[in-house]
C-alpha atoms as a PDB file:
ATOM      1  CA  MET A   1     -24.898   2.188   2.748  1.00  0.00           C
ATOM      2  CA  THR A   2     -25.473   5.652   0.718  1.00  0.00           C
ATOM      3  CA  GLY A   3     -24.003   7.748  -1.665  1.00  0.00           C
ATOM      4  CA  PHE A   4     -21.412   6.651  -3.803  1.00  0.00           C
ATOM      5  CA  TRP A   5     -20.808   3.195  -2.259  1.00  0.00           C
ATOM      6  CA  ALA A   6     -24.579   2.415  -2.732  1.00  0.00           C
ATOM      7  CA  ALA A   7     -23.981   2.882  -6.539  1.00  0.00           C
ATOM      8  CA  ALA A   8     -20.978   0.848  -6.466  1.00  0.00           C
ATOM      9  CA  ALA A   9     -22.835  -2.205  -5.132  1.00  0.00           C
ATOM     10  CA  ALA A  10     -25.859  -1.619  -7.212  1.00  0.00           C
ATOM     11  CA  ALA A  11     -23.196  -2.084 -10.018  1.00  0.00           C
ATOM     12  CA  GLY A  12     -21.774  -4.841  -8.760  1.00  0.00           C
ATOM     13  CA  LEU A  13     -18.416  -3.374  -7.836  1.00  0.00           C
ATOM     14  CA  LEU A  14     -18.141  -4.357  -4.310  1.00  0.00           C
ATOM     15  CA  GLY A  15     -16.789  -7.973  -3.903  1.00  0.00           C
ATOM     16  CA  LEU A  16     -17.624  -8.005   0.084  1.00  0.00           C
ATOM     17  CA  SER A  17     -21.325  -6.990   0.022  1.00  0.00           C
ATOM     18  CA  GLY A  18     -22.963  -9.239   2.999  1.00  0.00           C
ATOM     19  CA  ALA A  19     -20.166 -11.670   2.667  1.00  0.00           C
ATOM     20  CA  ALA A  20     -17.903 -12.411   5.608  1.00  0.00           C
ATOM     21  CA  ALA A  21     -14.383 -12.251   4.780  1.00  0.00           C
ATOM     22  CA  ALA A  22     -12.851 -15.566   3.872  1.00  0.00           C
ATOM     23  CA  GLN A  23      -9.350 -16.558   5.243  1.00  0.00           C
ATOM     24  CA  VAL A  24      -6.231 -18.358   3.991  1.00  0.00           C
ATOM     25  CA  PRO A  25      -7.028 -21.101   2.093  1.00  0.00           C
ATOM     26  CA  PRO A  26      -5.714 -24.240   4.027  1.00  0.00           C
ATOM     27  CA  GLU A  27      -3.120 -25.595   1.170  1.00  0.00           C
ATOM     28  CA  ILE A  28      -1.712 -22.502   1.295  1.00  0.00           C
ATOM     29  CA  ALA A  29      -1.630 -21.877   4.984  1.00  0.00           C
ATOM     30  CA  ALA A  30       0.197 -25.212   5.665  1.00  0.00           C
ATOM     31  CA  LYS A  31       2.829 -24.402   2.974  1.00  0.00           C
ATOM     32  CA  VAL A  32       3.478 -20.767   4.427  1.00  0.00           C
ATOM     33  CA  ARG A  33       3.611 -22.522   8.033  1.00  0.00           C
ATOM     34  CA  ALA A  34       6.315 -24.975   6.467  1.00  0.00           C
ATOM     35  CA  ALA A  35       8.184 -22.187   5.186  1.00  0.00           C
ATOM     36  CA  GLY A  36       8.314 -20.145   8.213  1.00  0.00           C
ATOM     37  CA  GLN A  37       9.888 -16.629   8.157  1.00  0.00           C
ATOM     38  CA  ALA A  38      12.004 -17.556   4.754  1.00  0.00           C
ATOM     39  CA  MET A  39      12.012 -14.658   2.626  1.00  0.00           C
ATOM     40  CA  ASP A  40      11.689 -16.034  -0.664  1.00  0.00           C
ATOM     41  CA  PRO A  41       9.868 -14.215  -3.281  1.00  0.00           C
ATOM     42  CA  SER A  42       8.600 -17.180  -4.861  1.00  0.00           C
ATOM     43  CA  ALA A  43       5.768 -18.043  -1.933  1.00  0.00           C
ATOM     44  CA  GLY A  44       3.670 -15.132  -3.474  1.00  0.00           C
ATOM     45  CA  GLN A  45       3.432 -17.450  -6.479  1.00  0.00           C
ATOM     46  CA  LEU A  46       0.927 -19.843  -4.286  1.00  0.00           C
ATOM     47  CA  TYR A  47      -1.843 -16.952  -4.824  1.00  0.00           C
ATOM     48  CA  ALA A  48      -1.018 -17.056  -8.922  1.00  0.00           C
ATOM     49  CA  PRO A  49      -3.371 -19.651 -10.041  1.00  0.00           C
ATOM     50  CA  MET A  50      -6.282 -17.417  -8.619  1.00  0.00           C
ATOM     51  CA  PHE A  51      -5.518 -14.555 -10.960  1.00  0.00           C
ATOM     52  CA  GLY A  52      -6.742 -14.263 -14.521  1.00  0.00           C
ATOM     53  CA  LYS A  53      -5.100 -12.580 -17.458  1.00  0.00           C
ATOM     54  CA  GLU A  54      -4.932  -9.370 -19.062  1.00  0.00           C
ATOM     55  CA  PRO A  55      -7.073  -7.982 -20.362  1.00  0.00           C
ATOM     56  CA  TRP A  56      -8.415  -7.442 -16.917  1.00  0.00           C
ATOM     57  CA  ALA A  57     -12.041  -7.487 -16.188  1.00  0.00           C
ATOM     58  CA  GLY A  58     -13.686  -5.450 -13.922  1.00  0.00           C
ATOM     59  CA  ALA A  59     -11.335  -2.103 -14.802  1.00  0.00           C
ATOM     60  CA  LYS A  60     -10.156   0.162 -17.386  1.00  0.00           C
ATOM     61  CA  LEU A  61      -6.446   0.441 -17.741  1.00  0.00           C
ATOM     62  CA  THR A  62      -4.356   3.122 -18.756  1.00  0.00           C
ATOM     63  CA  ARG A  63      -0.507   2.391 -18.307  1.00  0.00           C
ATOM     64  CA  ASP A  64       2.501   4.018 -18.027  1.00  0.00           C
ATOM     65  CA  ILE A  65       1.498   7.735 -17.532  1.00  0.00           C
ATOM     66  CA  ALA A  66       4.336  10.361 -17.105  1.00  0.00           C
ATOM     67  CA  TYR A  67       4.325  11.938 -13.722  1.00  0.00           C
ATOM     68  CA  GLY A  68       7.780  13.349 -14.110  1.00  0.00           C
ATOM     69  CA  PRO A  69      10.554  13.672 -16.310  1.00  0.00           C
ATOM     70  CA  ASP A  70      12.543  10.592 -14.997  1.00  0.00           C
ATOM     71  CA  PRO A  71      12.106   7.355 -16.568  1.00  0.00           C
ATOM     72  CA  LEU A  72      11.047   5.664 -13.683  1.00  0.00           C
ATOM     73  CA  GLN A  73       8.426   8.353 -13.010  1.00  0.00           C
ATOM     74  CA  THR A  74       4.822   6.494 -14.427  1.00  0.00           C
ATOM     75  CA  LEU A  75       1.778   5.260 -13.368  1.00  0.00           C
ATOM     76  CA  ASP A  76      -1.086   3.234 -14.314  1.00  0.00           C
ATOM     77  CA  VAL A  77      -4.416   4.096 -13.774  1.00  0.00           C
ATOM     78  CA  PHE A  78      -7.280   1.680 -12.991  1.00  0.00           C
ATOM     79  CA  SER A  79     -10.670   2.824 -13.320  1.00  0.00           C
ATOM     80  CA  PRO A  80     -14.059   0.695 -12.395  1.00  0.00           C
ATOM     81  CA  PRO A  81     -16.655   0.872 -15.478  1.00  0.00           C
ATOM     82  CA  GLY A  82     -20.236   1.601 -14.654  1.00  0.00           C
ATOM     83  CA  ALA A  83     -20.600   3.126 -11.184  1.00  0.00           C
ATOM     84  CA  ARG A  84     -21.491   6.640 -11.115  1.00  0.00           C
ATOM     85  CA  GLY A  85     -19.903   9.470  -8.954  1.00  0.00           C
ATOM     86  CA  LYS A  86     -16.430  10.551  -7.860  1.00  0.00           C
ATOM     87  CA  ARG A  87     -14.544   7.307  -6.401  1.00  0.00           C
ATOM     88  CA  PRO A  88     -12.194   7.382  -3.578  1.00  0.00           C
ATOM     89  CA  VAL A  89      -8.448   6.922  -5.360  1.00  0.00           C
ATOM     90  CA  LEU A  90      -6.043   3.919  -3.886  1.00  0.00           C
ATOM     91  CA  LEU A  91      -2.376   4.601  -4.521  1.00  0.00           C
ATOM     92  CA  PHE A  92      -0.049   1.972  -4.686  1.00  0.00           C
ATOM     93  CA  VAL A  93       3.466   1.664  -4.085  1.00  0.00           C
ATOM     94  CA  HIS A  94       5.479  -1.127  -4.758  1.00  0.00           C
ATOM     95  CA  GLY A  95       8.307  -2.604  -2.694  1.00  0.00           C
ATOM     96  CA  GLY A  96      11.560  -4.089  -3.576  1.00  0.00           C
ATOM     97  CA  GLY A  97      14.304  -3.203  -1.074  1.00  0.00           C
ATOM     98  CA  PHE A  98      14.643   0.317  -1.993  1.00  0.00           C
ATOM     99  CA  THR A  99      16.446  -1.135  -5.004  1.00  0.00           C
ATOM    100  CA  ARG A 100      14.207  -2.921  -7.169  1.00  0.00           C
ATOM    101  CA  GLY A 101      10.562  -3.926  -8.167  1.00  0.00           C
ATOM    102  CA  ASP A 102       7.998  -2.772 -10.569  1.00  0.00           C
ATOM    103  CA  LYS A 103       4.315  -1.802 -10.550  1.00  0.00           C
ATOM    104  CA  HIS A 104       3.640  -4.313 -13.494  1.00  0.00           C
ATOM    105  CA  GLY A 105       5.968  -7.197 -12.354  1.00  0.00           C
ATOM    106  CA  ALA A 106       5.619 -10.788 -11.685  1.00  0.00           C
ATOM    107  CA  PHE A 107       5.359  -9.953  -7.721  1.00  0.00           C
ATOM    108  CA  TYR A 108       2.689  -7.410  -8.319  1.00  0.00           C
ATOM    109  CA  PRO A 109       0.302  -8.482 -11.135  1.00  0.00           C
ATOM    110  CA  ASP A 110      -1.682  -5.507 -11.080  1.00  0.00           C
ATOM    111  CA  ASN A 111      -3.926  -7.258  -8.218  1.00  0.00           C
ATOM    112  CA  ILE A 112      -3.849  -4.519  -5.906  1.00  0.00           C
ATOM    113  CA  THR A 113      -5.149  -1.569  -7.808  1.00  0.00           C
ATOM    114  CA  LEU A 114      -7.442  -4.095  -9.855  1.00  0.00           C
ATOM    115  CA  TRP A 115      -8.941  -5.088  -6.422  1.00  0.00           C
ATOM    116  CA  GLY A 116      -9.538  -1.194  -6.176  1.00  0.00           C
ATOM    117  CA  ALA A 117     -11.047  -0.791  -9.261  1.00  0.00           C
ATOM    118  CA  ARG A 118     -13.290  -3.704  -8.383  1.00  0.00           C
ATOM    119  CA  ASN A 119     -14.536  -2.416  -5.246  1.00  0.00           C
ATOM    120  CA  GLY A 120     -15.061   0.966  -6.369  1.00  0.00           C
ATOM    121  CA  MET A 121     -12.228   2.940  -6.446  1.00  0.00           C
ATOM    122  CA  VAL A 122     -10.018   4.316  -8.896  1.00  0.00           C
ATOM    123  CA  GLY A 123      -6.517   2.243  -8.692  1.00  0.00           C
ATOM    124  CA  VAL A 124      -2.984   4.317  -9.030  1.00  0.00           C
ATOM    125  CA  ASN A 125       0.028   2.469  -9.419  1.00  0.00           C
ATOM    126  CA  ILE A 126       3.317   4.088  -9.417  1.00  0.00           C
ATOM    127  CA  ASN A 127       6.899   3.219 -10.322  1.00  0.00           C
ATOM    128  CA  TYR A 128       9.542   5.631  -8.596  1.00  0.00           C
ATOM    129  CA  ARG A 129      13.143   6.233  -8.616  1.00  0.00           C
ATOM    130  CA  LEU A 130      15.205   3.566  -7.142  1.00  0.00           C
ATOM    131  CA  ALA A 131      18.520   3.317  -4.785  1.00  0.00           C
ATOM    132  CA  PRO A 132      21.331   3.395  -4.893  1.00  0.00           C
ATOM    133  CA  LYS A 133      21.391   5.837  -7.737  1.00  0.00           C
ATOM    134  CA  ASP A 134      18.808   7.887  -6.187  1.00  0.00           C
ATOM    135  CA  ALA A 135      18.731   8.026  -2.594  1.00  0.00           C
ATOM    136  CA  TRP A 136      16.719   9.708   0.155  1.00  0.00           C
ATOM    137  CA  PRO A 137      14.397  11.510  -0.479  1.00  0.00           C
ATOM    138  CA  ALA A 138      13.781  10.603  -4.129  1.00  0.00           C
ATOM    139  CA  GLY A 139      11.264   7.589  -3.232  1.00  0.00           C
ATOM    140  CA  ALA A 140       9.288  10.467  -1.178  1.00  0.00           C
ATOM    141  CA  LYS A 141       9.351  12.983  -3.127  1.00  0.00           C
ATOM    142  CA  ASP A 142       8.497  10.921  -6.050  1.00  0.00           C
ATOM    143  CA  LEU A 143       5.430  10.058  -4.116  1.00  0.00           C
ATOM    144  CA  ALA A 144       4.388  13.862  -3.540  1.00  0.00           C
ATOM    145  CA  ALA A 145       4.848  14.616  -7.236  1.00  0.00           C
ATOM    146  CA  ALA A 146       2.487  10.981  -8.005  1.00  0.00           C
ATOM    147  CA  ILE A 147      -0.018  12.470  -5.542  1.00  0.00           C
ATOM    148  CA  ALA A 148      -0.265  15.887  -7.126  1.00  0.00           C
ATOM    149  CA  TRP A 149      -0.192  14.321 -10.500  1.00  0.00           C
ATOM    150  CA  THR A 150      -3.228  11.956  -9.295  1.00  0.00           C
ATOM    151  CA  ARG A 151      -5.053  15.475  -7.584  1.00  0.00           C
ATOM    152  CA  ALA A 152      -4.760  17.337 -10.748  1.00  0.00           C
ATOM    153  CA  ASN A 153      -5.699  14.666 -13.197  1.00  0.00           C
ATOM    154  CA  ILE A 154      -7.861  11.822 -11.740  1.00  0.00           C
ATOM    155  CA  ALA A 155     -11.198  13.427 -12.159  1.00  0.00           C
ATOM    156  CA  ARG A 156     -10.915  12.625 -15.989  1.00  0.00           C
ATOM    157  CA  TYR A 157     -10.893   8.915 -14.967  1.00  0.00           C
ATOM    158  CA  GLY A 158     -13.772   9.153 -12.738  1.00  0.00           C
ATOM    159  CA  GLY A 159     -11.739   9.503  -9.278  1.00  0.00           C
ATOM    160  CA  ASP A 160     -11.782  12.273  -6.422  1.00  0.00           C
ATOM    161  CA  PRO A 161      -9.082  14.427  -6.504  1.00  0.00           C
ATOM    162  CA  ASP A 162      -9.626  15.232  -2.921  1.00  0.00           C
ATOM    163  CA  ARG A 163      -9.924  11.788  -1.673  1.00  0.00           C
ATOM    164  CA  ILE A 164      -6.773   9.624  -1.893  1.00  0.00           C
ATOM    165  CA  ILE A 165      -5.761   6.794   0.165  1.00  0.00           C
ATOM    166  CA  LEU A 166      -2.018   5.855   0.276  1.00  0.00           C
ATOM    167  CA  TRP A 167      -0.976   2.021   0.250  1.00  0.00           C
ATOM    168  CA  GLY A 168       2.501   0.985   0.561  1.00  0.00           C
ATOM    169  CA  HIS A 169       4.110  -2.693   0.903  1.00  0.00           C
ATOM    170  CA  SER A 170       7.420  -3.341   2.470  1.00  0.00           C
ATOM    171  CA  ALA A 171      10.063  -0.619   1.079  1.00  0.00           C
ATOM    172  CA  GLY A 172       6.929   0.810  -0.762  1.00  0.00           C
ATOM    173  CA  ALA A 173       5.440   1.177   2.828  1.00  0.00           C
ATOM    174  CA  ASN A 174       8.826   3.005   3.915  1.00  0.00           C
ATOM    175  CA  HIS A 175       8.126   5.342   1.193  1.00  0.00           C
ATOM    176  CA  VAL A 176       4.861   5.802   2.734  1.00  0.00           C
ATOM    177  CA  ALA A 177       5.429   5.868   5.650  1.00  0.00           C
ATOM    178  CA  ASP A 178       8.191   8.663   4.869  1.00  0.00           C
ATOM    179  CA  TYR A 179       5.766  11.181   3.219  1.00  0.00           C
ATOM    180  CA  VAL A 180       3.336  10.913   6.100  1.00  0.00           C
ATOM    181  CA  ALA A 181       6.187  11.738   8.603  1.00  0.00           C
ATOM    182  CA  HIS A 182       8.295  14.182   7.105  1.00  0.00           C
ATOM    183  CA  ALA A 183       6.071  17.135   6.400  1.00  0.00           C
ATOM    184  CA  GLU A 184       9.018  18.960   4.554  1.00  0.00           C
ATOM    185  CA  VAL A 185       8.622  16.594   1.306  1.00  0.00           C
ATOM    186  CA  GLN A 186       4.852  17.650   1.340  1.00  0.00           C
ATOM    187  CA  GLY A 187       3.330  20.004  -0.758  1.00  0.00           C
ATOM    188  CA  PRO A 188      -0.500  21.055  -1.217  1.00  0.00           C
ATOM    189  CA  GLU A 189      -0.871  17.891  -2.944  1.00  0.00           C
ATOM    190  CA  ALA A 190      -0.939  16.406   1.078  1.00  0.00           C
ATOM    191  CA  LYS A 191      -4.831  17.901   1.495  1.00  0.00           C
ATOM    192  CA  ALA A 192      -5.941  15.356  -0.553  1.00  0.00           C
ATOM    193  CA  VAL A 193      -4.211  12.472   1.436  1.00  0.00           C
ATOM    194  CA  LYS A 194      -7.396  10.786   3.545  1.00  0.00           C
ATOM    195  CA  GLY A 195      -5.305   7.979   4.953  1.00  0.00           C
ATOM    196  CA  ALA A 196      -2.252   5.689   4.417  1.00  0.00           C
ATOM    197  CA  ILE A 197      -2.115   1.983   4.386  1.00  0.00           C
ATOM    198  CA  LEU A 198       1.188   0.368   5.562  1.00  0.00           C
ATOM    199  CA  LEU A 199       1.663  -3.358   4.813  1.00  0.00           C
ATOM    200  CA  SER A 200       4.936  -4.612   6.821  1.00  0.00           C
ATOM    201  CA  PRO A 201       7.249  -1.563   6.622  1.00  0.00           C
ATOM    202  CA  PHE A 202      10.719  -1.675   8.503  1.00  0.00           C
ATOM    203  CA  TYR A 203      12.790   0.850  10.369  1.00  0.00           C
ATOM    204  CA  GLY A 204      15.778  -0.624  12.679  1.00  0.00           C
ATOM    205  CA  ALA A 205      15.296  -0.472  16.230  1.00  0.00           C
ATOM    206  CA  ALA A 206      19.011   0.263  16.826  1.00  0.00           C
ATOM    207  CA  PRO A 207      21.350   2.571  15.276  1.00  0.00           C
ATOM    208  CA  ASN A 208      22.902   0.913  11.922  1.00  0.00           C
ATOM    209  CA  ALA A 209      26.485   0.003  12.439  1.00  0.00           C
ATOM    210  CA  GLY A 210      27.005  -1.953   8.998  1.00  0.00           C
ATOM    211  CA  PRO A 211      27.416  -0.289   5.960  1.00  0.00           C
ATOM    212  CA  PRO A 212      25.617   2.589   4.479  1.00  0.00           C
ATOM    213  CA  HIS A 213      21.674   1.770   3.984  1.00  0.00           C
ATOM    214  CA  ALA A 214      21.481   1.737   0.246  1.00  0.00           C
ATOM    215  CA  TYR A 215      18.267   4.185   0.418  1.00  0.00           C
ATOM    216  CA  TYR A 216      18.973   6.243   3.253  1.00  0.00           C
ATOM    217  CA  GLY A 217      22.621   6.488   3.766  1.00  0.00           C
ATOM    218  CA  GLN A 218      24.126   6.559   7.122  1.00  0.00           C
ATOM    219  CA  ASP A 219      21.627   9.156   8.569  1.00  0.00           C
ATOM    220  CA  GLN A 220      20.168   7.093  11.348  1.00  0.00           C
ATOM    221  CA  THR A 221      17.336   9.501  11.921  1.00  0.00           C
ATOM    222  CA  LEU A 222      16.135   8.466   8.645  1.00  0.00           C
ATOM    223  CA  GLN A 223      16.162   4.535   9.324  1.00  0.00           C
ATOM    224  CA  SER A 224      15.665   4.292  12.900  1.00  0.00           C
ATOM    225  CA  ALA A 225      12.113   3.659  14.283  1.00  0.00           C
ATOM    226  CA  ALA A 226      12.029   6.312  17.047  1.00  0.00           C
ATOM    227  CA  SER A 227      12.216   8.953  14.403  1.00  0.00           C
ATOM    228  CA  SER A 228       9.726   7.324  12.184  1.00  0.00           C
ATOM    229  CA  ILE A 229       7.004   7.036  14.906  1.00  0.00           C
ATOM    230  CA  THR A 230       7.810  10.687  15.933  1.00  0.00           C
ATOM    231  CA  GLY A 231       7.129  11.721  12.622  1.00  0.00           C
ATOM    232  CA  LEU A 232       3.970   9.472  12.440  1.00  0.00           C
ATOM    233  CA  GLY A 233       2.704  10.475  15.693  1.00  0.00           C
ATOM    234  CA  GLN A 234       3.008  14.173  14.007  1.00  0.00           C
ATOM    235  CA  SER A 235       0.729  13.903  11.286  1.00  0.00           C
ATOM    236  CA  SER A 236      -3.121  13.865  11.083  1.00  0.00           C
ATOM    237  CA  ILE A 237      -3.075  11.248   8.183  1.00  0.00           C
ATOM    238  CA  PRO A 238      -5.168   8.060   9.553  1.00  0.00           C
ATOM    239  CA  LEU A 239      -2.985   5.068   9.258  1.00  0.00           C
ATOM    240  CA  PHE A 240      -4.025   1.238   8.861  1.00  0.00           C
ATOM    241  CA  VAL A 241      -0.987  -1.225   9.892  1.00  0.00           C
ATOM    242  CA  ALA A 242      -0.533  -4.993   8.663  1.00  0.00           C
ATOM    243  CA  ASN A 243       1.944  -7.537   8.807  1.00  0.00           C
ATOM    244  CA  ALA A 244       2.161 -11.035   8.552  1.00  0.00           C
ATOM    245  CA  GLU A 245       2.814 -13.753  11.053  1.00  0.00           C
ATOM    246  CA  PHE A 246       5.691 -15.125   9.284  1.00  0.00           C
ATOM    247  CA  ASP A 247       6.999 -11.555   8.409  1.00  0.00           C
ATOM    248  CA  PRO A 248      10.932 -11.605   9.958  1.00  0.00           C
ATOM    249  CA  GLU A 249      10.862 -10.486  13.591  1.00  0.00           C
ATOM    250  CA  GLN A 250      12.640  -7.358  13.162  1.00  0.00           C
ATOM    251  CA  PHE A 251       9.291  -6.031  10.695  1.00  0.00           C
ATOM    252  CA  LYS A 252       6.942  -7.363  13.793  1.00  0.00           C
ATOM    253  CA  THR A 253       8.941  -5.589  16.339  1.00  0.00           C
ATOM    254  CA  TYR A 254       8.500  -2.656  14.676  1.00  0.00           C
ATOM    255  CA  ALA A 255       4.757  -2.697  14.044  1.00  0.00           C
ATOM    256  CA  THR A 256       4.385  -3.517  17.682  1.00  0.00           C
ATOM    257  CA  THR A 257       6.536  -0.647  18.679  1.00  0.00           C
ATOM    258  CA  MET A 258       4.824   1.595  16.413  1.00  0.00           C
ATOM    259  CA  ARG A 259       1.220   0.608  17.490  1.00  0.00           C
ATOM    260  CA  ALA A 260       2.202   0.826  21.484  1.00  0.00           C
ATOM    261  CA  ALA A 261       3.919   4.166  20.980  1.00  0.00           C
ATOM    262  CA  LEU A 262       1.117   5.941  18.529  1.00  0.00           C
ATOM    263  CA  CYS A 263      -1.692   4.743  20.720  1.00  0.00           C
ATOM    264  CA  LYS A 264      -0.682   6.339  23.641  1.00  0.00           C
ATOM    265  CA  THR A 265      -2.584   9.063  21.765  1.00  0.00           C
ATOM    266  CA  PRO A 266      -5.587   7.814  20.693  1.00  0.00           C
ATOM    267  CA  ARG A 267      -6.308   9.830  17.730  1.00  0.00           C
ATOM    268  CA  ARG A 268      -3.372   8.450  16.378  1.00  0.00           C
ATOM    269  CA  CYS A 269      -4.202   4.977  17.141  1.00  0.00           C
ATOM    270  CA  PRO A 270      -3.906   3.038  13.877  1.00  0.00           C
ATOM    271  CA  GLN A 271      -6.069   0.137  13.051  1.00  0.00           C
ATOM    272  CA  TYR A 272      -4.157  -2.847  12.928  1.00  0.00           C
ATOM    273  CA  VAL A 273      -4.536  -6.143  11.316  1.00  0.00           C
ATOM    274  CA  TYR A 274      -2.499  -9.152  12.149  1.00  0.00           C
ATOM    275  CA  LEU A 275      -2.154 -11.990   9.228  1.00  0.00           C
ATOM    276  CA  ARG A 276      -2.209 -14.998  10.359  1.00  0.00           C
ATOM    277  CA  ASP A 277      -0.824 -17.796   8.086  1.00  0.00           C
ATOM    278  CA  HIS A 278       0.750 -14.963   5.918  1.00  0.00           C
ATOM    279  CA  ASN A 279       4.635 -14.253   5.145  1.00  0.00           C
ATOM    280  CA  HIS A 280       5.980 -11.310   3.503  1.00  0.00           C
ATOM    281  CA  PHE A 281       5.276 -11.907   0.230  1.00  0.00           C
ATOM    282  CA  THR A 282       1.866 -13.764   0.562  1.00  0.00           C
ATOM    283  CA  GLU A 283      -0.007 -10.895   2.203  1.00  0.00           C
ATOM    284  CA  GLY A 284       0.245  -8.815  -0.709  1.00  0.00           C
ATOM    285  CA  MET A 285      -0.391 -11.669  -3.188  1.00  0.00           C
ATOM    286  CA  ALA A 286      -3.357 -12.184  -1.251  1.00  0.00           C
ATOM    287  CA  VAL A 287      -5.037  -8.965  -2.261  1.00  0.00           C
ATOM    288  CA  GLY A 288      -7.863  -9.860  -5.160  1.00  0.00           C
ATOM    289  CA  THR A 289      -8.413 -13.331  -4.025  1.00  0.00           C
ATOM    290  CA  PRO A 290     -10.932 -14.964  -1.901  1.00  0.00           C
ATOM    291  CA  ASP A 291      -8.687 -14.547   0.720  1.00  0.00           C
ATOM    292  CA  GLN A 292      -9.935 -11.504   2.567  1.00  0.00           C
ATOM    293  CA  SER A 293      -7.899 -11.890   5.569  1.00  0.00           C
ATOM    294  CA  LEU A 294      -6.671  -8.212   4.614  1.00  0.00           C
ATOM    295  CA  THR A 295      -8.854  -6.629   2.190  1.00  0.00           C
ATOM    296  CA  GLY A 296     -12.109  -7.516   4.520  1.00  0.00           C
ATOM    297  CA  PRO A 297     -11.300  -5.335   7.334  1.00  0.00           C
ATOM    298  CA  LEU A 298      -9.470  -3.002   4.915  1.00  0.00           C
ATOM    299  CA  LEU A 299     -12.388  -2.116   2.594  1.00  0.00           C
ATOM    300  CA  LYS A 300     -14.056  -1.299   5.446  1.00  0.00           C
ATOM    301  CA  TRP A 301     -11.798   1.321   6.751  1.00  0.00           C
ATOM    302  CA  ILE A 302     -11.288   2.857   3.295  1.00  0.00           C
ATOM    303  CA  LYS A 303     -15.341   3.564   3.304  1.00  0.00           C
ATOM    304  CA  ALA A 304     -14.788   5.215   7.119  1.00  0.00           C
ATOM    305  CA  ARG A 305     -12.123   7.645   5.090  1.00  0.00           C
ATOM    306  CA  ARG A 306     -13.679  11.057   4.320  1.00  0.00           C
END
């Protein structure tokens, strides 16, 4: 371990130094298996007792910085104290079905960006405009604006403006995937993006015959798996993909289809983690707890992004 990561380890910021990644606690695994594929957000609260309360130890926190004129275009910055050198930046995009959710809500209690800060990164946690008021491409454009703000300002918080890793969950993973796959929404800020983490994104395998999608509307190419995969394959941004054993089947089908298609081109083959004994909500809430079934391999992948 050299350079920044050695300094971070010396400062006690790396939660995985020398330790094997712990798995899902047996009592939580049993409850997840019993619930099956139920899309119940309260399942995430199985991990809530493992979190402390603010003020968070191991991070300096600056909240609600505007990165655009809309009231929802705000972000929080979590920076680790102590370690020297430019820290990689972890920029997180919350989920919520494109119509709801918050960077600091009950379902995302700062745990992902706090995990980043406690592991030697600078965490950036964003809100963005929501559908149906703001439809495609509002989410992708907001992400581009947040990356641009980060690149211009993160050095003052100890971050490396040219080493940004994106992470989205659920609808947030779609926003990250859309940004990566659609070069037309990118600007000069894209040069700083060194990787993208997609935690349970979803695009439909077949044309949507129902009512218009709240965010994508009637445009079938925007919400189709085939179009998404084509765009991801044309990008050069490295991908890390994960989904849960008890995600709904359509989420798992998209992950399987995407990986099979992208891995035909070895340089585009994403690293993949299948999260056993997790569902759509526990997979994100476990971040920052002793359950390192996702964060163990993820931290190694982030370290390799240069």
